[in-house]
Amino acid sequence: MRLTTWIVVTTMAATTAAQTIDLHLPDADPATGACAAAPLGLTNGLAMIQVPAGQLVGTHRLLEAIAFAACPAQTAAWSPTEFRFFVGHVTPGTNLNFVPLVFAGGFSDLGDFRDAVLIYDSVVDGVFTWVPQPDAWAPFGPSGANGTGFVWNGLDDVAIVISATLVSGLANLRTAPGAPLVRIGNAPTAILQGLYLGPKLRLTFRALPNPPVAETVGVGCTASFYLPVVFTSRLPFLGEPRLTISFSIGGIFGPTPGLLFFANDTAAPTALANLCPVHLDPVSATAFIAQGLSPIPNNGLQRWVFSVPNDPALIGATIACQAVIDTPGSFPPDPLTTNALRLTIR
């Protein structure tokens, strides 16, 4: 069945050539439609809303904001004890059995969920509380000078992933035929519990002819139980003050030492003695000083925050990074590698 998308185009101030558009899926009325608990009616769970690429507009790719329409039954506040909110890409199609497994702000397995941008993590950003007005579009999650920081690649479906535990407050949202589907899974096992008609959405996109890029390159040690990953929660915009690179690993039972390495670019993978892949260009990697990594806490998450200089000479420059840690509890040391990130500054 062909979905219907209502598009409202809003021209920004005359001082800039940029434009924003509001994509309403499936319609622009926040006060009509049935009320449903999915995806925010979670007590301990994961939800993935999959937005088909065919419903998006190729000229507008920077996701500024996401809004839901709350029902009158919505309480004054919806607040999880722990909350994480991602946007990323998934291959177009049904992906009916896919819900990513979230550990401490990251993923134990990237699976088909790629180029993930972490918009909010209560472990770092504090308690998240959403207080919407009923029967009106209510922005969900923060957005800064560069919006959510997520840029659609123009090809894949967009996945909005929510991880919430110990939620207080109700979260009934308006839905209607033609709305994107939502998959609900258990946390932390991510076992698929059901496929539902999702909520009405308002996605605000900005025109961005030449966006910065954060690409996931390769995978980490797939032979390991721990499946370490690195991802970014901001894109490398020129002058970006909080370019955040995050490391996550599942199953950590104690602090684990490791390093984050940089290179000018990625390269064809080579393998360590234990067959873990190295994705960085080895020549330029030797010219970089490894960034010290403090012991990873028990939740398996580590973050580095960098400032991108506001220097036009950096436009188009690339930099790549990959993390290496010691296998928890191993002796002698047994290094595990993550996927790589390839960043292009714009």
Protein backbone atom coordinates (compact mmCIF):
# COMPACT_ATOMS: atom_id res chain seq x y z
CA MET A 1 0.00 0.00 0.00
CA ARG A 2 1.41 3.36 -0.95
CA LEU A 3 1.90 5.68 2.00
CA THR A 4 0.81 9.27 1.82
CA THR A 5 3.10 12.03 3.01
CA TRP A 6 1.97 15.58 3.66
CA ILE A 7 4.77 18.05 3.08
CA VAL A 8 4.72 21.58 4.44
CA VAL A 9 7.54 23.79 3.16
CA THR A 10 8.74 26.60 5.39
CA THR A 11 11.24 29.13 4.08
CA MET A 12 13.72 30.31 6.67
CA ALA A 13 14.88 33.91 7.19
CA ALA A 14 16.06 35.81 4.14
CA THR A 15 19.55 35.98 5.63
CA THR A 16 20.12 32.34 4.73
CA ALA A 17 19.49 30.29 1.62
CA ALA A 18 18.55 27.23 3.63
CA GLN A 19 15.03 25.86 3.75
CA THR A 20 13.27 23.47 6.09
CA ILE A 21 10.38 21.17 5.34
CA ASP A 22 8.01 19.37 7.68
CA LEU A 23 7.18 15.82 6.61
CA HIS A 24 3.96 14.60 8.20
CA LEU A 25 3.47 10.84 8.20
CA PRO A 26 0.76 10.05 7.27
CA ASP A 27 -1.06 13.40 7.72
CA ALA A 28 -0.62 16.81 9.34
CA ASP A 29 -3.51 16.64 11.83
CA PRO A 30 -2.25 15.95 15.40
CA ALA A 31 -5.78 15.81 16.86
CA THR A 32 -7.25 12.88 14.91
CA GLY A 33 -6.57 9.17 14.78
CA ALA A 34 -6.64 6.30 17.25
CA CYS A 35 -4.57 6.37 20.43
CA ALA A 36 -1.89 3.71 20.84
CA ALA A 37 0.77 2.88 23.42
CA ALA A 38 3.48 1.97 20.89
CA PRO A 39 6.26 2.99 20.91
CA LEU A 40 6.46 4.96 24.17
CA GLY A 41 4.27 2.69 26.25
CA LEU A 42 7.37 0.83 27.42
CA THR A 43 8.29 -0.16 30.95
CA ASN A 44 11.52 -1.92 29.93
CA GLY A 45 12.03 -2.15 26.23
CA LEU A 46 13.26 -1.09 22.83
CA ALA A 47 11.29 0.40 19.98
CA MET A 48 12.31 1.01 16.38
CA ILE A 49 10.24 3.20 14.06
CA GLN A 50 11.20 2.60 10.43
CA VAL A 51 10.58 5.49 8.03
CA PRO A 52 10.68 4.42 4.36
CA ALA A 53 13.17 6.24 2.15
CA GLY A 54 10.40 6.79 -0.39
CA GLN A 55 8.66 9.13 2.05
CA LEU A 56 11.67 11.45 2.36
CA VAL A 57 12.89 14.30 0.15
CA GLY A 58 16.35 14.06 -1.38
CA THR A 59 17.08 17.79 -1.28
CA HIS A 60 16.53 18.00 2.49
CA ARG A 61 18.65 15.58 4.51
CA LEU A 62 19.62 17.14 7.85
CA LEU A 63 17.08 15.99 10.44
CA GLU A 64 16.27 19.08 12.51
CA ALA A 65 13.62 17.67 14.85
CA ILE A 66 11.19 14.82 15.54
CA ALA A 67 7.68 15.39 16.89
CA PHE A 68 4.85 13.10 18.01
CA ALA A 69 1.16 13.89 18.57
CA ALA A 70 0.05 12.99 22.09
CA CYS A 71 -3.48 11.88 22.93
CA PRO A 72 -5.61 13.56 25.62
CA ALA A 73 -4.95 10.54 27.83
CA GLN A 74 -1.27 11.53 27.98
CA THR A 75 -0.21 12.39 31.53
CA ALA A 76 1.67 15.56 32.41
CA ALA A 77 5.07 13.93 32.02
CA TRP A 78 6.70 10.84 30.48
CA SER A 79 10.05 10.07 32.11
CA PRO A 80 12.15 6.88 32.01
CA THR A 81 14.75 6.07 34.63
CA GLU A 82 17.19 5.40 31.79
CA PHE A 83 16.63 6.64 28.27
CA ARG A 84 18.55 6.50 24.99
CA PHE A 85 17.43 7.90 21.67
CA PHE A 86 19.15 7.10 18.36
CA VAL A 87 18.57 7.78 14.67
CA GLY A 88 20.30 5.74 11.96
CA HIS A 89 19.95 3.94 8.66
CA VAL A 90 18.52 0.50 7.89
CA THR A 91 18.24 -1.31 4.58
CA PRO A 92 14.91 -0.60 2.85
CA GLY A 93 12.41 -3.38 3.36
CA THR A 94 10.52 -5.00 6.16
CA ASN A 95 13.34 -6.04 8.56
CA LEU A 96 10.59 -7.58 10.63
CA ASN A 97 12.91 -9.38 13.03
CA PHE A 98 15.30 -6.53 13.65
CA VAL A 99 15.50 -4.59 16.87
CA PRO A 100 19.04 -3.45 17.82
CA LEU A 101 20.38 -4.50 21.18
CA VAL A 102 21.37 -1.47 23.26
CA PHE A 103 24.00 -1.58 25.99
CA ALA A 104 24.83 1.54 27.99
CA GLY A 105 24.29 3.99 25.18
CA GLY A 106 25.72 1.79 22.43
CA PHE A 107 25.03 -1.46 20.66
CA SER A 108 26.21 -4.97 21.34
CA ASP A 109 25.73 -5.61 17.63
CA LEU A 110 25.31 -2.99 14.92
CA GLY A 111 23.50 -5.50 12.73
CA ASP A 112 21.58 -3.65 10.01
CA PHE A 113 21.45 -0.41 12.05
CA ARG A 114 24.18 1.82 10.59
CA ASP A 115 25.50 5.39 10.85
CA ALA A 116 23.78 5.75 14.20
CA VAL A 117 23.62 9.17 15.84
CA LEU A 118 22.99 9.16 19.58
CA ILE A 119 20.71 12.13 20.25
CA TYR A 120 20.18 11.63 23.98
CA ASP A 121 21.64 9.38 26.67
CA SER A 122 20.36 9.86 30.22
CA VAL A 123 23.54 8.32 31.65
CA VAL A 124 25.44 11.35 30.36
CA ASP A 125 22.76 13.95 29.65
CA GLY A 126 20.62 13.49 32.76
CA VAL A 127 17.02 12.43 33.30
CA PHE A 128 14.80 12.87 30.24
CA THR A 129 11.28 14.19 30.77
CA TRP A 130 8.77 14.78 27.99
CA VAL A 131 5.77 17.02 28.71
CA PRO A 132 3.66 17.29 25.53
CA GLN A 133 0.48 19.21 24.90
CA PRO A 134 -2.31 16.82 23.83
CA ASP A 135 -3.60 16.95 20.27
CA ALA A 136 -0.66 19.08 19.16
CA TRP A 137 2.72 18.35 17.62
CA ALA A 138 5.20 17.96 20.47
CA PRO A 139 8.96 17.90 19.72
CA PHE A 140 10.62 14.79 21.16
CA GLY A 141 14.24 15.01 22.25
CA PRO A 142 16.71 17.87 21.97
CA SER A 143 18.07 19.52 18.83
CA GLY A 144 20.97 21.95 18.69
CA ALA A 145 22.44 24.34 16.13
CA ASN A 146 22.87 21.44 13.70
CA GLY A 147 19.52 19.85 14.46
CA THR A 148 19.66 16.28 15.72
CA GLY A 149 22.99 15.85 13.95
CA PHE A 150 21.63 13.05 11.75
CA VAL A 151 21.95 13.35 7.96
CA TRP A 152 19.95 11.00 5.75
CA ASN A 153 22.10 9.34 3.07
CA GLY A 154 19.39 9.62 0.42
CA LEU A 155 19.10 5.86 -0.10
CA ASP A 156 18.26 3.87 3.02
CA ASP A 157 15.27 3.85 5.32
CA VAL A 158 15.60 5.91 8.50
CA ALA A 159 15.24 4.15 11.85
CA ILE A 160 14.31 5.98 15.06
CA VAL A 161 15.35 3.83 18.03
CA ILE A 162 14.20 4.39 21.61
CA SER A 163 15.49 2.48 24.64
CA ALA A 164 13.63 3.14 27.90
CA THR A 165 13.55 1.46 31.30
CA LEU A 166 11.34 1.98 34.37
CA VAL A 167 9.08 4.55 32.72
CA SER A 168 6.77 6.75 34.75
CA GLY A 169 3.77 8.35 33.06
CA LEU A 170 1.63 7.26 30.14
CA ALA A 171 2.54 7.80 26.52
CA ASN A 172 -0.46 7.31 24.28
CA LEU A 173 0.22 8.74 20.83
CA ARG A 174 -1.99 9.42 17.82
CA THR A 175 -1.73 6.91 15.00
CA ALA A 176 -3.47 6.40 11.66
CA PRO A 177 -3.38 4.01 8.69
CA GLY A 178 -0.25 4.72 6.66
CA ALA A 179 1.89 5.64 9.66
CA PRO A 180 5.36 4.00 9.81
CA LEU A 181 5.61 0.62 11.48
CA VAL A 182 7.17 0.20 14.91
CA ARG A 183 8.87 -2.89 16.30
CA ILE A 184 8.87 -3.47 20.04
CA GLY A 185 11.48 -5.66 21.76
CA ASN A 186 12.46 -6.67 25.25
CA ALA A 187 15.41 -4.96 26.95
CA PRO A 188 18.13 -6.01 27.07
CA THR A 189 17.50 -9.19 25.05
CA ALA A 190 15.87 -7.36 22.10
CA ILE A 191 13.62 -10.35 21.46
CA LEU A 192 10.91 -9.13 19.10
CA GLN A 193 7.63 -8.83 20.96
CA GLY A 194 5.49 -7.38 18.24
CA LEU A 195 5.07 -5.32 15.09
CA TYR A 196 2.60 -2.45 15.36
CA LEU A 197 1.26 0.49 13.45
CA GLY A 198 3.42 3.32 14.69
CA PRO A 199 2.65 6.88 15.74
CA LYS A 200 2.02 9.86 13.55
CA LEU A 201 5.28 11.68 12.92
CA ARG A 202 6.42 15.16 12.03
CA LEU A 203 9.99 15.12 10.76
CA THR A 204 11.63 18.48 10.13
CA PHE A 205 14.47 18.40 7.59
CA ARG A 206 16.82 21.14 6.44
CA ALA A 207 18.32 21.49 2.97
CA LEU A 208 21.99 20.58 3.15
CA PRO A 209 23.57 20.33 -0.31
CA ASN A 210 26.98 19.11 0.88
CA PRO A 211 26.59 17.61 4.37
CA PRO A 212 29.32 16.30 6.64
CA VAL A 213 29.58 12.54 6.75
CA ALA A 214 30.09 9.98 9.52
CA GLU A 215 30.35 6.51 7.99
CA THR A 216 30.52 3.16 9.75
CA VAL A 217 33.33 1.15 8.15
CA GLY A 218 33.52 -2.59 8.63
CA VAL A 219 32.80 -4.46 11.85
CA GLY A 220 34.75 -5.32 14.96
CA CYS A 221 35.69 -8.73 16.28
CA THR A 222 32.64 -10.74 15.32
CA ALA A 223 34.18 -13.89 16.79
CA SER A 224 34.08 -12.30 20.23
CA PHE A 225 31.12 -12.48 22.59
CA TYR A 226 31.65 -8.81 23.47
CA LEU A 227 31.18 -7.24 19.99
CA PRO A 228 32.72 -3.79 20.67
CA VAL A 229 31.59 -0.81 18.57
CA VAL A 230 32.32 2.90 18.08
CA PHE A 231 29.78 5.45 16.89
CA THR A 232 29.24 9.22 16.90
CA SER A 233 26.49 11.33 18.40
CA ARG A 234 27.33 14.46 16.38
CA LEU A 235 28.44 15.00 12.80
CA PRO A 236 31.73 16.72 11.84
CA PHE A 237 30.33 20.13 10.97
CA LEU A 238 32.92 22.87 10.61
CA GLY A 239 33.12 24.55 14.02
CA GLU A 240 31.13 21.77 15.77
CA PRO A 241 31.91 22.19 19.50
CA ARG A 242 30.86 18.69 20.61
CA LEU A 243 31.92 16.08 18.09
CA THR A 244 31.39 13.05 20.30
CA ILE A 245 32.82 9.62 19.58
CA SER A 246 31.49 6.85 21.78
CA PHE A 247 32.66 3.33 22.52
CA SER A 248 30.38 0.57 23.73
CA ILE A 249 30.75 -3.09 24.52
CA GLY A 250 28.28 -5.64 25.83
CA GLY A 251 28.94 -7.97 28.73
CA ILE A 252 31.58 -5.93 30.59
CA PHE A 253 32.11 -7.15 34.15
CA GLY A 254 34.94 -4.83 35.13
CA PRO A 255 37.16 -1.97 33.91
CA THR A 256 38.95 -2.71 30.66
CA PRO A 257 41.88 -0.70 29.25
CA GLY A 258 41.91 0.40 25.66
CA LEU A 259 42.91 3.07 23.14
CA LEU A 260 41.23 5.10 20.42
CA PHE A 261 43.43 5.35 17.30
CA PHE A 262 43.23 7.85 14.45
CA ALA A 263 44.36 7.89 10.82
CA ASN A 264 43.84 10.09 7.77
CA ASP A 265 41.51 7.51 6.28
CA THR A 266 40.35 3.90 6.36
CA ALA A 267 41.89 1.15 4.25
CA ALA A 268 41.24 -2.42 3.20
CA PRO A 269 41.04 -4.42 6.43
CA THR A 270 44.04 -6.32 7.74
CA ALA A 271 43.92 -8.82 10.58
CA LEU A 272 45.64 -9.14 13.92
CA ALA A 273 46.96 -12.51 15.04
CA ASN A 274 43.58 -13.28 16.61
CA LEU A 275 41.85 -12.37 13.31
CA CYS A 276 40.36 -9.15 14.67
CA PRO A 277 40.19 -6.63 11.79
CA VAL A 278 42.10 -3.34 11.55
CA HIS A 279 40.35 -0.83 9.30
CA LEU A 280 42.70 2.18 9.53
CA ASP A 281 45.30 3.26 6.99
CA PRO A 282 48.50 2.01 8.66
CA VAL A 283 50.81 4.68 7.20
CA SER A 284 48.93 7.73 8.46
CA ALA A 285 47.93 5.97 11.70
CA THR A 286 51.55 5.94 12.81
CA ALA A 287 51.63 9.76 12.58
CA PHE A 288 48.85 10.13 15.14
CA ILE A 289 49.25 9.94 18.87
CA ALA A 290 46.77 7.48 20.36
CA GLN A 291 44.24 9.23 22.55
CA GLY A 292 44.43 7.91 26.10
CA LEU A 293 41.40 5.90 27.16
CA SER A 294 40.60 5.86 30.85
CA PRO A 295 39.40 2.49 32.19
CA ILE A 296 36.00 1.67 30.76
CA PRO A 297 33.36 1.65 33.52
CA ASN A 298 31.23 -1.38 34.26
CA ASN A 299 28.49 -0.16 31.92
CA GLY A 300 30.87 -0.64 28.98
CA LEU A 301 30.66 2.94 27.68
CA GLN A 302 33.38 5.50 27.04
CA ARG A 303 33.20 8.86 25.27
CA TRP A 304 35.56 11.38 23.78
CA VAL A 305 34.44 14.93 22.95
CA PHE A 306 36.35 16.98 20.37
CA SER A 307 35.97 20.46 18.93
CA VAL A 308 36.20 20.85 15.15
CA PRO A 309 38.12 24.08 14.39
CA ASN A 310 36.17 26.67 12.42
CA ASP A 311 38.83 26.71 9.71
CA PRO A 312 37.61 26.66 6.07
CA ALA A 313 40.80 24.85 5.11
CA LEU A 314 39.36 21.75 6.81
CA ILE A 315 36.31 21.53 4.53
CA GLY A 316 36.42 18.14 2.81
CA ALA A 317 39.12 16.77 5.09
CA THR A 318 38.69 13.20 6.33
CA ILE A 319 39.75 11.51 9.54
CA ALA A 320 39.15 7.95 10.66
CA CYS A 321 39.23 6.27 14.07
CA GLN A 322 38.99 2.81 15.57
CA ALA A 323 39.15 1.57 19.16
CA VAL A 324 41.16 -1.35 20.52
CA ILE A 325 40.61 -2.86 23.98
CA ASP A 326 41.88 -5.80 25.91
CA THR A 327 39.50 -8.76 26.15
CA PRO A 328 37.94 -8.54 29.63
CA GLY A 329 39.66 -10.93 32.02
CA SER A 330 42.20 -12.21 29.48
CA PHE A 331 45.82 -13.07 30.25
CA PRO A 332 47.99 -12.61 28.36
CA PRO A 333 46.31 -9.58 26.76
CA ASP A 334 44.04 -10.38 23.81
CA PRO A 335 43.17 -7.21 21.84
CA LEU A 336 39.66 -6.70 20.47
CA THR A 337 38.99 -4.16 17.71
CA THR A 338 35.84 -2.23 16.88
CA ASN A 339 34.41 -1.10 13.59
CA ALA A 340 35.95 2.13 12.25
CA LEU A 341 34.41 5.56 11.77
CA ARG A 342 35.25 7.70 8.73
CA LEU A 343 34.44 11.39 9.20
CA THR A 344 34.32 14.01 6.45
CA ILE A 345 34.25 17.64 7.64
CA ARG A 346 31.93 20.07 5.87
